[in-house]
């Protein structure tokens, strides 16, 4: 028996929703904390000072208590040499996935506008 996976089997595994474990949405504060601050040895105070923001804002973001505003995204983008849209997209995706799990059934009941003939 071979350990080789065929391309067709791999494709089927992606198409099988039963074989996929749904992970909870990732808060942008987790990304900030684990992918940026921890590897660089940065504290919330150091990041806040560099961004000219209150330390409590960065602390609350990394504790996943609040989200990232456009203002904070612009500052984080500049500081970490990323796009501000990186941070805003993380926030939007987190909010969308969180809300979808709450109102998904209600959305299913909304009838889309008919297509133009």
C-alpha atoms as a PDB file:
ATOM      1  CA  UNK A   1       0.000   0.000   0.000  1.00  0.00           C
ATOM      2  CA  UNK A   2       1.319   3.437  -0.932  1.00  0.00           C
ATOM      3  CA  UNK A   3       1.365   6.582   1.183  1.00  0.00           C
ATOM      4  CA  UNK A   4       1.006   8.689  -1.958  1.00  0.00           C
ATOM      5  CA  UNK A   5      -2.080  10.882  -2.210  1.00  0.00           C
ATOM      6  CA  UNK A   6      -3.474  11.347  -5.687  1.00  0.00           C
ATOM      7  CA  UNK A   7      -4.448  14.786  -6.922  1.00  0.00           C
ATOM      8  CA  UNK A   8      -8.075  13.644  -7.248  1.00  0.00           C
ATOM      9  CA  UNK A   9      -8.128  12.415  -3.642  1.00  0.00           C
ATOM     10  CA  UNK A  10      -6.675  15.706  -2.480  1.00  0.00           C
ATOM     11  CA  UNK A  11      -9.314  17.670  -4.404  1.00  0.00           C
ATOM     12  CA  UNK A  12     -12.082  15.513  -2.926  1.00  0.00           C
ATOM     13  CA  UNK A  13     -10.767  16.161   0.575  1.00  0.00           C
ATOM     14  CA  UNK A  14     -11.163  19.908   0.011  1.00  0.00           C
ATOM     15  CA  UNK A  15     -14.678  19.459  -1.356  1.00  0.00           C
ATOM     16  CA  UNK A  16     -15.798  17.333   1.607  1.00  0.00           C
ATOM     17  CA  UNK A  17     -17.128  19.713   4.280  1.00  0.00           C
ATOM     18  CA  UNK A  18     -17.506  16.791   6.702  1.00  0.00           C
ATOM     19  CA  UNK A  19     -13.750  16.212   6.633  1.00  0.00           C
ATOM     20  CA  UNK A  20     -12.963  19.828   7.492  1.00  0.00           C
ATOM     21  CA  UNK A  21     -12.671  21.042  11.045  1.00  0.00           C
ATOM     22  CA  UNK A  22     -14.036  24.561  11.367  1.00  0.00           C
ATOM     23  CA  UNK A  23     -11.709  26.752  13.366  1.00  0.00           C
ATOM     24  CA  UNK A  24     -12.930  29.775  15.294  1.00  0.00           C
ATOM     25  CA  UNK A  25     -12.309  33.150  13.664  1.00  0.00           C
ATOM     26  CA  UNK A  26      -8.888  34.627  14.397  1.00  0.00           C
ATOM     27  CA  UNK A  27      -8.951  37.952  16.208  1.00  0.00           C
ATOM     28  CA  UNK A  28      -6.452  40.492  14.818  1.00  0.00           C
ATOM     29  CA  UNK A  29      -5.134  40.941  18.357  1.00  0.00           C
ATOM     30  CA  UNK A  30      -3.911  37.345  18.277  1.00  0.00           C
ATOM     31  CA  UNK A  31      -2.006  38.041  15.065  1.00  0.00           C
ATOM     32  CA  UNK A  32      -0.532  41.229  16.514  1.00  0.00           C
ATOM     33  CA  UNK A  33       0.496  39.446  19.710  1.00  0.00           C
ATOM     34  CA  UNK A  34       1.770  36.140  18.287  1.00  0.00           C
ATOM     35  CA  UNK A  35       3.150  37.095  14.874  1.00  0.00           C
ATOM     36  CA  UNK A  36       4.527  40.568  15.506  1.00  0.00           C
ATOM     37  CA  UNK A  37       5.011  41.479  19.152  1.00  0.00           C
ATOM     38  CA  UNK A  38       6.208  38.153  20.603  1.00  0.00           C
ATOM     39  CA  UNK A  39       8.841  37.405  17.924  1.00  0.00           C
ATOM     40  CA  UNK A  40      10.203  40.942  18.210  1.00  0.00           C
ATOM     41  CA  UNK A  41      10.069  40.952  22.009  1.00  0.00           C
ATOM     42  CA  UNK A  42       7.786  43.986  22.059  1.00  0.00           C
ATOM     43  CA  UNK A  43       5.507  44.922  24.943  1.00  0.00           C
ATOM     44  CA  UNK A  44       2.150  46.625  24.548  1.00  0.00           C
ATOM     45  CA  UNK A  45       3.712  49.711  26.101  1.00  0.00           C
ATOM     46  CA  UNK A  46       6.536  49.795  23.572  1.00  0.00           C
ATOM     47  CA  UNK A  47       4.156  49.411  20.625  1.00  0.00           C
ATOM     48  CA  UNK A  48       1.777  52.012  22.031  1.00  0.00           C
ATOM     49  CA  UNK A  49       4.609  54.481  22.551  1.00  0.00           C
ATOM     50  CA  UNK A  50       5.892  53.968  18.997  1.00  0.00           C
ATOM     51  CA  UNK A  51       2.359  54.454  17.634  1.00  0.00           C
ATOM     52  CA  UNK A  52       1.618  57.448  19.871  1.00  0.00           C
ATOM     53  CA  UNK A  53      -1.422  55.647  21.319  1.00  0.00           C
ATOM     54  CA  UNK A  54      -2.564  54.871  24.848  1.00  0.00           C
ATOM     55  CA  UNK A  55      -1.002  51.669  26.165  1.00  0.00           C
ATOM     56  CA  UNK A  56      -4.467  50.475  27.157  1.00  0.00           C
ATOM     57  CA  UNK A  57      -5.578  50.398  23.514  1.00  0.00           C
ATOM     58  CA  UNK A  58      -2.807  48.012  22.492  1.00  0.00           C
ATOM     59  CA  UNK A  59      -3.311  45.944  25.647  1.00  0.00           C
ATOM     60  CA  UNK A  60      -7.038  45.612  24.930  1.00  0.00           C
ATOM     61  CA  UNK A  61      -6.393  44.653  21.296  1.00  0.00           C
ATOM     62  CA  UNK A  62      -3.902  41.914  22.197  1.00  0.00           C
ATOM     63  CA  UNK A  63      -6.279  40.648  24.916  1.00  0.00           C
ATOM     64  CA  UNK A  64      -8.902  40.472  22.134  1.00  0.00           C
ATOM     65  CA  UNK A  65     -11.248  42.803  23.995  1.00  0.00           C
ATOM     66  CA  UNK A  66     -11.510  45.390  21.218  1.00  0.00           C
ATOM     67  CA  UNK A  67     -10.919  45.450  17.493  1.00  0.00           C
ATOM     68  CA  UNK A  68      -8.589  47.432  15.291  1.00  0.00           C
ATOM     69  CA  UNK A  69      -9.846  50.789  14.032  1.00  0.00           C
ATOM     70  CA  UNK A  70      -8.761  52.417  10.785  1.00  0.00           C
ATOM     71  CA  UNK A  71      -6.605  54.816  12.829  1.00  0.00           C
ATOM     72  CA  UNK A  72      -4.832  51.957  14.593  1.00  0.00           C
ATOM     73  CA  UNK A  73      -4.503  50.000  11.336  1.00  0.00           C
ATOM     74  CA  UNK A  74      -2.735  52.925   9.674  1.00  0.00           C
ATOM     75  CA  UNK A  75      -0.325  53.200  12.594  1.00  0.00           C
ATOM     76  CA  UNK A  76       0.333  49.450  12.796  1.00  0.00           C
ATOM     77  CA  UNK A  77       0.909  49.329   9.041  1.00  0.00           C
ATOM     78  CA  UNK A  78       3.483  52.069   9.213  1.00  0.00           C
ATOM     79  CA  UNK A  79       5.237  50.636  12.258  1.00  0.00           C
ATOM     80  CA  UNK A  80       5.404  47.012  11.139  1.00  0.00           C
ATOM     81  CA  UNK A  81       5.912  47.854   7.446  1.00  0.00           C
ATOM     82  CA  UNK A  82       2.706  46.200   6.357  1.00  0.00           C
ATOM     83  CA  UNK A  83      -0.292  47.554   4.555  1.00  0.00           C
ATOM     84  CA  UNK A  84      -2.918  49.139   6.767  1.00  0.00           C
ATOM     85  CA  UNK A  85      -5.356  47.019   4.769  1.00  0.00           C
ATOM     86  CA  UNK A  86      -3.723  43.907   6.194  1.00  0.00           C
ATOM     87  CA  UNK A  87      -4.945  44.932   9.652  1.00  0.00           C
ATOM     88  CA  UNK A  88      -8.332  46.149   8.450  1.00  0.00           C
ATOM     89  CA  UNK A  89      -8.911  42.941   6.501  1.00  0.00           C
ATOM     90  CA  UNK A  90      -8.085  40.856   9.586  1.00  0.00           C
ATOM     91  CA  UNK A  91     -10.625  42.882  11.559  1.00  0.00           C
ATOM     92  CA  UNK A  92     -13.291  42.701   8.843  1.00  0.00           C
ATOM     93  CA  UNK A  93     -12.868  38.965   8.431  1.00  0.00           C
ATOM     94  CA  UNK A  94     -13.062  38.390  12.187  1.00  0.00           C
ATOM     95  CA  UNK A  95     -16.219  40.490  12.492  1.00  0.00           C
ATOM     96  CA  UNK A  96     -17.846  38.896   9.430  1.00  0.00           C
ATOM     97  CA  UNK A  97     -17.168  35.317  10.506  1.00  0.00           C
ATOM     98  CA  UNK A  98     -18.277  36.003  14.068  1.00  0.00           C
ATOM     99  CA  UNK A  99     -21.493  37.661  12.927  1.00  0.00           C
ATOM    100  CA  UNK A 100     -22.197  35.041  10.267  1.00  0.00           C
ATOM    101  CA  UNK A 101     -22.290  32.330  12.904  1.00  0.00           C
ATOM    102  CA  UNK A 102     -24.893  34.386  14.803  1.00  0.00           C
ATOM    103  CA  UNK A 103     -27.172  35.513  11.972  1.00  0.00           C
ATOM    104  CA  UNK A 104     -26.524  32.922   9.273  1.00  0.00           C
ATOM    105  CA  UNK A 105     -29.992  31.378   9.557  1.00  0.00           C
ATOM    106  CA  UNK A 106     -31.592  34.805   9.296  1.00  0.00           C
ATOM    107  CA  UNK A 107     -29.533  35.590   6.187  1.00  0.00           C
ATOM    108  CA  UNK A 108     -30.747  32.366   4.586  1.00  0.00           C
ATOM    109  CA  UNK A 109     -34.295  33.741   4.861  1.00  0.00           C
ATOM    110  CA  UNK A 110     -33.492  36.877   2.862  1.00  0.00           C
ATOM    111  CA  UNK A 111     -34.552  36.579  -0.762  1.00  0.00           C
ATOM    112  CA  UNK A 112     -32.055  38.214  -3.142  1.00  0.00           C
ATOM    113  CA  UNK A 113     -33.395  40.808  -5.542  1.00  0.00           C
ATOM    114  CA  UNK A 114     -34.463  39.154  -8.823  1.00  0.00           C
ATOM    115  CA  UNK A 115     -31.954  39.288 -11.635  1.00  0.00           C
ATOM    116  CA  UNK A 116     -32.714  41.692 -14.470  1.00  0.00           C
ATOM    117  CA  UNK A 117     -34.267  39.974 -17.465  1.00  0.00           C
END
